[in-house]
Each structure stands twice: as structure tokens, then as C-alpha cells.
N, C-alpha and C. Protein backbone atom coordinates (compact mmCIF):
# COMPACT_ATOMS: atom_id res chain seq x y z
N GLN A 1 -16.24 10.49 9.08
CA GLN A 1 -15.86 9.40 8.22
C GLN A 1 -14.37 9.13 8.36
N VAL A 2 -13.98 7.93 7.96
CA VAL A 2 -12.59 7.54 8.05
C VAL A 2 -11.78 8.26 6.98
N GLN A 3 -10.65 8.79 7.40
CA GLN A 3 -9.74 9.42 6.46
C GLN A 3 -8.30 9.09 6.83
N LEU A 4 -7.51 8.84 5.82
CA LEU A 4 -6.07 8.71 5.93
C LEU A 4 -5.47 9.65 4.90
N VAL A 5 -4.75 10.64 5.36
CA VAL A 5 -4.25 11.68 4.48
C VAL A 5 -2.73 11.68 4.52
N GLU A 6 -2.12 11.28 3.40
CA GLU A 6 -0.67 11.24 3.30
C GLU A 6 -0.10 12.57 2.84
N SER A 7 1.13 12.82 3.23
CA SER A 7 1.86 13.98 2.75
C SER A 7 3.35 13.67 2.83
N GLY A 8 4.14 14.50 2.20
CA GLY A 8 5.59 14.39 2.29
C GLY A 8 6.27 13.82 1.08
N GLY A 9 5.50 13.36 0.11
CA GLY A 9 6.11 12.83 -1.09
C GLY A 9 6.68 13.93 -1.96
N GLY A 10 7.41 13.52 -2.97
CA GLY A 10 8.01 14.47 -3.89
C GLY A 10 9.21 13.87 -4.59
N LEU A 11 9.98 14.75 -5.20
CA LEU A 11 11.18 14.36 -5.93
C LEU A 11 12.39 14.46 -5.02
N VAL A 12 13.18 13.41 -4.99
CA VAL A 12 14.37 13.38 -4.16
C VAL A 12 15.49 12.69 -4.93
N GLN A 13 16.72 13.11 -4.70
CA GLN A 13 17.86 12.52 -5.37
C GLN A 13 18.26 11.20 -4.73
N PRO A 14 18.84 10.29 -5.51
CA PRO A 14 19.36 9.07 -4.92
C PRO A 14 20.30 9.37 -3.76
N GLY A 15 20.16 8.62 -2.69
CA GLY A 15 20.94 8.85 -1.49
C GLY A 15 20.33 9.84 -0.53
N GLY A 16 19.31 10.53 -0.95
CA GLY A 16 18.67 11.53 -0.11
C GLY A 16 17.66 10.93 0.83
N SER A 17 16.95 11.82 1.52
CA SER A 17 15.98 11.42 2.53
C SER A 17 14.70 12.21 2.40
N LEU A 18 13.63 11.62 2.84
CA LEU A 18 12.38 12.32 3.02
C LEU A 18 11.53 11.57 4.03
N ARG A 19 10.53 12.26 4.55
CA ARG A 19 9.66 11.66 5.54
C ARG A 19 8.22 11.79 5.09
N LEU A 20 7.54 10.66 5.01
CA LEU A 20 6.12 10.63 4.70
C LEU A 20 5.32 10.66 6.00
N SER A 21 4.19 11.34 5.96
CA SER A 21 3.29 11.39 7.10
C SER A 21 1.90 10.97 6.66
N CYS A 22 1.17 10.39 7.59
CA CYS A 22 -0.21 10.00 7.34
C CYS A 22 -1.02 10.33 8.58
N VAL A 23 -1.96 11.23 8.43
CA VAL A 23 -2.83 11.64 9.53
C VAL A 23 -4.16 10.92 9.39
N ALA A 24 -4.55 10.22 10.45
CA ALA A 24 -5.76 9.41 10.43
C ALA A 24 -6.86 10.03 11.27
N SER A 25 -8.09 9.75 10.88
CA SER A 25 -9.24 10.19 11.65
C SER A 25 -10.41 9.26 11.38
N GLY A 26 -11.37 9.23 12.30
CA GLY A 26 -12.59 8.48 12.11
C GLY A 26 -12.57 7.05 12.61
N PHE A 27 -11.50 6.64 13.25
CA PHE A 27 -11.41 5.30 13.83
C PHE A 27 -10.43 5.32 14.99
N THR A 28 -10.37 4.22 15.72
CA THR A 28 -9.52 4.15 16.91
C THR A 28 -8.09 3.83 16.50
N PHE A 29 -7.39 4.87 16.14
CA PHE A 29 -6.06 4.76 15.54
C PHE A 29 -5.12 3.88 16.37
N SER A 30 -5.12 4.07 17.67
CA SER A 30 -4.12 3.43 18.52
C SER A 30 -4.21 1.91 18.54
N THR A 31 -5.35 1.34 18.17
CA THR A 31 -5.52 -0.11 18.19
C THR A 31 -5.22 -0.78 16.85
N TYR A 32 -4.96 -0.01 15.82
CA TYR A 32 -4.76 -0.56 14.48
C TYR A 32 -3.29 -0.75 14.16
N VAL A 33 -3.00 -1.81 13.43
CA VAL A 33 -1.71 -1.91 12.76
C VAL A 33 -1.72 -0.91 11.61
N MET A 34 -0.71 -0.09 11.58
CA MET A 34 -0.57 0.90 10.52
C MET A 34 0.57 0.49 9.60
N SER A 35 0.34 0.68 8.31
CA SER A 35 1.30 0.20 7.33
C SER A 35 1.50 1.22 6.22
N TRP A 36 2.63 1.08 5.57
CA TRP A 36 2.89 1.76 4.31
C TRP A 36 3.05 0.71 3.22
N TYR A 37 2.32 0.91 2.15
CA TYR A 37 2.44 0.11 0.94
C TYR A 37 2.97 1.01 -0.17
N ARG A 38 3.48 0.39 -1.21
CA ARG A 38 3.87 1.17 -2.38
C ARG A 38 3.55 0.41 -3.65
N GLN A 39 3.34 1.17 -4.70
CA GLN A 39 3.04 0.60 -6.00
C GLN A 39 3.77 1.38 -7.07
N ALA A 40 4.66 0.70 -7.76
CA ALA A 40 5.38 1.27 -8.88
C ALA A 40 4.62 0.96 -10.17
N PRO A 41 4.86 1.74 -11.22
CA PRO A 41 4.17 1.48 -12.48
C PRO A 41 4.37 0.05 -12.97
N GLY A 42 3.28 -0.60 -13.32
CA GLY A 42 3.34 -1.96 -13.81
C GLY A 42 3.59 -3.02 -12.76
N LYS A 43 3.60 -2.64 -11.49
CA LYS A 43 3.89 -3.57 -10.41
C LYS A 43 2.68 -3.72 -9.49
N GLU A 44 2.71 -4.77 -8.69
CA GLU A 44 1.70 -4.95 -7.67
C GLU A 44 1.93 -3.99 -6.51
N ARG A 45 0.87 -3.76 -5.76
CA ARG A 45 1.00 -2.97 -4.55
C ARG A 45 1.56 -3.87 -3.44
N ASP A 46 2.69 -3.48 -2.89
CA ASP A 46 3.40 -4.31 -1.93
C ASP A 46 3.54 -3.62 -0.59
N LEU A 47 3.53 -4.42 0.46
CA LEU A 47 3.77 -3.91 1.80
C LEU A 47 5.23 -3.50 1.95
N VAL A 48 5.45 -2.31 2.48
CA VAL A 48 6.78 -1.80 2.73
C VAL A 48 7.16 -1.93 4.19
N ALA A 49 6.27 -1.49 5.07
CA ALA A 49 6.55 -1.48 6.50
C ALA A 49 5.24 -1.44 7.26
N SER A 50 5.26 -1.98 8.47
CA SER A 50 4.10 -1.94 9.33
C SER A 50 4.53 -1.74 10.77
N ILE A 51 3.61 -1.22 11.57
CA ILE A 51 3.88 -1.03 12.99
C ILE A 51 2.59 -1.31 13.75
N SER A 52 2.69 -2.14 14.77
CA SER A 52 1.53 -2.54 15.55
C SER A 52 1.26 -1.56 16.68
N ARG A 53 0.19 -1.83 17.41
CA ARG A 53 -0.15 -1.01 18.57
C ARG A 53 0.92 -1.08 19.64
N PHE A 54 1.72 -2.14 19.63
CA PHE A 54 2.79 -2.32 20.60
C PHE A 54 4.15 -1.94 20.02
N ALA A 55 4.14 -1.26 18.89
CA ALA A 55 5.35 -0.77 18.22
C ALA A 55 6.23 -1.90 17.69
N ILE A 56 5.63 -3.04 17.41
CA ILE A 56 6.35 -4.08 16.70
C ILE A 56 6.40 -3.70 15.23
N ARG A 57 7.59 -3.72 14.67
CA ARG A 57 7.81 -3.24 13.32
C ARG A 57 8.22 -4.37 12.38
N ASN A 58 7.75 -4.29 11.17
CA ASN A 58 8.15 -5.20 10.11
C ASN A 58 8.46 -4.41 8.86
N TYR A 59 9.47 -4.89 8.12
CA TYR A 59 9.89 -4.23 6.89
C TYR A 59 10.13 -5.25 5.80
N VAL A 60 9.85 -4.84 4.58
CA VAL A 60 10.28 -5.64 3.46
C VAL A 60 11.81 -5.59 3.38
N ASP A 61 12.42 -6.69 2.95
CA ASP A 61 13.88 -6.78 2.97
C ASP A 61 14.56 -5.63 2.23
N SER A 62 13.98 -5.18 1.17
CA SER A 62 14.62 -4.18 0.33
C SER A 62 14.77 -2.81 0.99
N VAL A 63 14.06 -2.56 2.09
CA VAL A 63 14.16 -1.27 2.76
C VAL A 63 14.76 -1.37 4.16
N LYS A 64 15.06 -2.56 4.62
CA LYS A 64 15.63 -2.72 5.96
C LYS A 64 16.94 -1.97 6.08
N GLY A 65 17.07 -1.24 7.17
CA GLY A 65 18.25 -0.43 7.39
C GLY A 65 18.21 0.93 6.77
N ARG A 66 17.22 1.18 5.93
CA ARG A 66 17.09 2.47 5.27
C ARG A 66 15.83 3.22 5.67
N PHE A 67 14.73 2.50 5.84
CA PHE A 67 13.45 3.12 6.19
C PHE A 67 13.10 2.81 7.64
N THR A 68 12.41 3.74 8.27
CA THR A 68 11.91 3.54 9.62
C THR A 68 10.46 3.96 9.70
N ILE A 69 9.62 3.07 10.17
CA ILE A 69 8.22 3.40 10.41
C ILE A 69 8.04 3.74 11.89
N SER A 70 7.22 4.72 12.17
CA SER A 70 6.94 5.11 13.54
C SER A 70 5.52 5.62 13.63
N ARG A 71 5.03 5.75 14.84
CA ARG A 71 3.69 6.27 15.03
C ARG A 71 3.63 7.16 16.25
N ASP A 72 2.74 8.12 16.20
CA ASP A 72 2.49 9.02 17.31
C ASP A 72 0.99 8.96 17.55
N ASN A 73 0.59 8.18 18.53
CA ASN A 73 -0.84 7.98 18.77
C ASN A 73 -1.53 9.26 19.24
N ALA A 74 -0.80 10.13 19.92
CA ALA A 74 -1.38 11.39 20.36
C ALA A 74 -1.76 12.27 19.19
N LYS A 75 -1.09 12.09 18.06
CA LYS A 75 -1.37 12.87 16.86
C LYS A 75 -2.09 12.08 15.79
N ASN A 76 -2.43 10.83 16.08
CA ASN A 76 -3.06 9.95 15.08
C ASN A 76 -2.29 9.95 13.77
N THR A 77 -0.98 9.83 13.90
CA THR A 77 -0.12 9.96 12.73
C THR A 77 0.89 8.82 12.67
N VAL A 78 1.09 8.31 11.47
CA VAL A 78 2.14 7.34 11.22
C VAL A 78 3.11 7.95 10.21
N TYR A 79 4.40 7.65 10.38
CA TYR A 79 5.44 8.21 9.56
C TYR A 79 6.24 7.12 8.88
N LEU A 80 6.84 7.47 7.77
CA LEU A 80 7.84 6.63 7.14
C LEU A 80 9.04 7.51 6.84
N GLN A 81 10.09 7.31 7.61
CA GLN A 81 11.35 8.01 7.37
C GLN A 81 12.13 7.21 6.34
N MET A 82 12.43 7.83 5.23
CA MET A 82 13.10 7.17 4.12
C MET A 82 14.49 7.78 3.97
N ASN A 83 15.51 6.99 4.23
CA ASN A 83 16.89 7.43 4.09
C ASN A 83 17.58 6.62 3.00
N SER A 84 18.66 7.18 2.48
CA SER A 84 19.45 6.50 1.45
C SER A 84 18.57 5.95 0.34
N VAL A 85 17.69 6.78 -0.15
CA VAL A 85 16.71 6.31 -1.13
C VAL A 85 17.38 5.95 -2.45
N LYS A 86 16.74 5.04 -3.15
CA LYS A 86 17.23 4.52 -4.41
C LYS A 86 16.17 4.72 -5.48
N PRO A 87 16.57 4.74 -6.75
CA PRO A 87 15.57 4.86 -7.81
C PRO A 87 14.49 3.78 -7.73
N GLN A 88 14.84 2.61 -7.25
CA GLN A 88 13.89 1.52 -7.11
C GLN A 88 12.81 1.80 -6.08
N ASP A 89 13.00 2.82 -5.26
CA ASP A 89 11.99 3.22 -4.29
C ASP A 89 10.89 4.07 -4.90
N THR A 90 11.06 4.47 -6.14
CA THR A 90 10.06 5.29 -6.81
C THR A 90 8.73 4.54 -6.89
N ALA A 91 7.69 5.16 -6.38
CA ALA A 91 6.37 4.54 -6.35
C ALA A 91 5.38 5.52 -5.75
N VAL A 92 4.11 5.17 -5.86
CA VAL A 92 3.10 5.82 -5.05
C VAL A 92 3.04 5.09 -3.73
N TYR A 93 3.15 5.82 -2.65
CA TYR A 93 3.14 5.26 -1.31
C TYR A 93 1.78 5.49 -0.66
N TYR A 94 1.22 4.42 -0.12
CA TYR A 94 -0.10 4.45 0.47
C TYR A 94 -0.04 4.11 1.96
N CYS A 95 -0.72 4.89 2.74
CA CYS A 95 -0.93 4.61 4.14
C CYS A 95 -2.14 3.69 4.28
N ALA A 96 -2.07 2.73 5.19
CA ALA A 96 -3.16 1.79 5.37
C ALA A 96 -3.34 1.44 6.84
N ALA A 97 -4.59 1.20 7.22
CA ALA A 97 -4.95 0.83 8.58
C ALA A 97 -5.57 -0.55 8.59
N ASP A 98 -5.06 -1.42 9.45
CA ASP A 98 -5.43 -2.83 9.49
C ASP A 98 -5.85 -3.18 10.91
N ARG A 99 -7.12 -3.33 11.12
CA ARG A 99 -7.65 -3.53 12.46
C ARG A 99 -7.17 -4.83 13.09
N LEU A 100 -7.09 -5.88 12.29
CA LEU A 100 -6.77 -7.21 12.79
C LEU A 100 -5.32 -7.63 12.56
N GLY A 101 -4.55 -6.80 11.93
CA GLY A 101 -3.20 -7.20 11.56
C GLY A 101 -3.20 -8.32 10.55
N SER A 102 -4.19 -8.31 9.68
CA SER A 102 -4.44 -9.40 8.73
C SER A 102 -3.70 -9.25 7.41
N ARG A 103 -3.05 -8.12 7.21
CA ARG A 103 -2.43 -7.78 5.92
C ARG A 103 -3.50 -7.53 4.86
N ARG A 104 -4.71 -7.31 5.31
CA ARG A 104 -5.81 -6.90 4.43
C ARG A 104 -6.40 -5.64 5.04
N PRO A 105 -5.82 -4.50 4.72
CA PRO A 105 -6.21 -3.26 5.40
C PRO A 105 -7.68 -2.92 5.25
N ASP A 106 -8.21 -2.32 6.30
CA ASP A 106 -9.58 -1.86 6.30
C ASP A 106 -9.73 -0.49 5.64
N TYR A 107 -8.70 0.32 5.75
CA TYR A 107 -8.75 1.69 5.23
C TYR A 107 -7.45 2.02 4.51
N TRP A 108 -7.60 2.84 3.47
CA TRP A 108 -6.48 3.27 2.66
C TRP A 108 -6.46 4.77 2.49
N GLY A 109 -5.27 5.32 2.42
CA GLY A 109 -5.12 6.70 2.02
C GLY A 109 -5.12 6.84 0.51
N GLN A 110 -5.01 8.07 0.07
CA GLN A 110 -5.08 8.36 -1.37
C GLN A 110 -3.76 8.15 -2.09
N GLY A 111 -2.69 8.07 -1.35
CA GLY A 111 -1.37 7.88 -1.93
C GLY A 111 -0.61 9.17 -2.10
N THR A 112 0.70 9.07 -2.03
CA THR A 112 1.58 10.19 -2.30
C THR A 112 2.75 9.70 -3.14
N GLN A 113 3.08 10.45 -4.16
CA GLN A 113 4.12 10.04 -5.11
C GLN A 113 5.50 10.33 -4.55
N VAL A 114 6.36 9.33 -4.62
CA VAL A 114 7.78 9.50 -4.31
C VAL A 114 8.57 9.15 -5.56
N THR A 115 9.37 10.09 -6.02
CA THR A 115 10.20 9.87 -7.20
C THR A 115 11.65 10.08 -6.82
N VAL A 116 12.47 9.07 -7.04
CA VAL A 116 13.89 9.13 -6.73
C VAL A 116 14.64 9.20 -8.05
N SER A 117 15.22 10.35 -8.32
CA SER A 117 15.88 10.56 -9.60
C SER A 117 16.88 11.69 -9.48
N SER A 118 17.97 11.58 -10.22
CA SER A 118 18.98 12.62 -10.23
C SER A 118 18.72 13.64 -11.33
């Protein structure tokens, strides 16, 4: 069965860094657009970053220059490197797989909590 398993979340101080990982199984990972979404309390779930099969990357403006999405197809893993984090980055972060690049993912992970606080 399809699984997306996130890890790497936790508590981090403002200005700090952490790296989220998402290990995928049960589908042809290398052909999917992989994305990270986040949802803060009382907010909509929003796209943070995406990376295509050709390593084309897109980011929401608020994280440009701070976050980097990458993928390792040999490991069926997508990463989100988060640098210079801000309290506004606090959210549950979800890994998602989008077969068509439609911004309507086919598969979702369970989410991992990121809390930015001093």
C-alpha cells in the first residue's frame, strides 16, 4: 500500500535549522511531483514547496531563500531543509505526492509537527 512517512519535526529556536524527511513507498516515486504542505492552527493547508521529476522547484514566497526542497529517488525520499526558521513557520508539515503536478495530491503523509519558539 502507499505510504508517506514524515520525520524530523520538533521544537527549534528562531533562527535555527532542521530537516524534514519523507520516505515513500507503494508507487512510482520518481515520476511524481513531491511537495511539502503545512497547516497552522486555524489556517488552511498551504503549499510550501514542490519538486518535480526533473528537479524543478517551487516555493511559497515566505520561505524563499530559507527552505530547500530536494529528492533522492534512489531512496524514495523527499527532504525539506529549513534554515533561519521563524515562529510563523510553526505548523504541521505534510508530505504529498502529486502524479500529475495538479496541486491536488494523490497521497498524503501523516504530518510532522514543527514548532519554532524560544
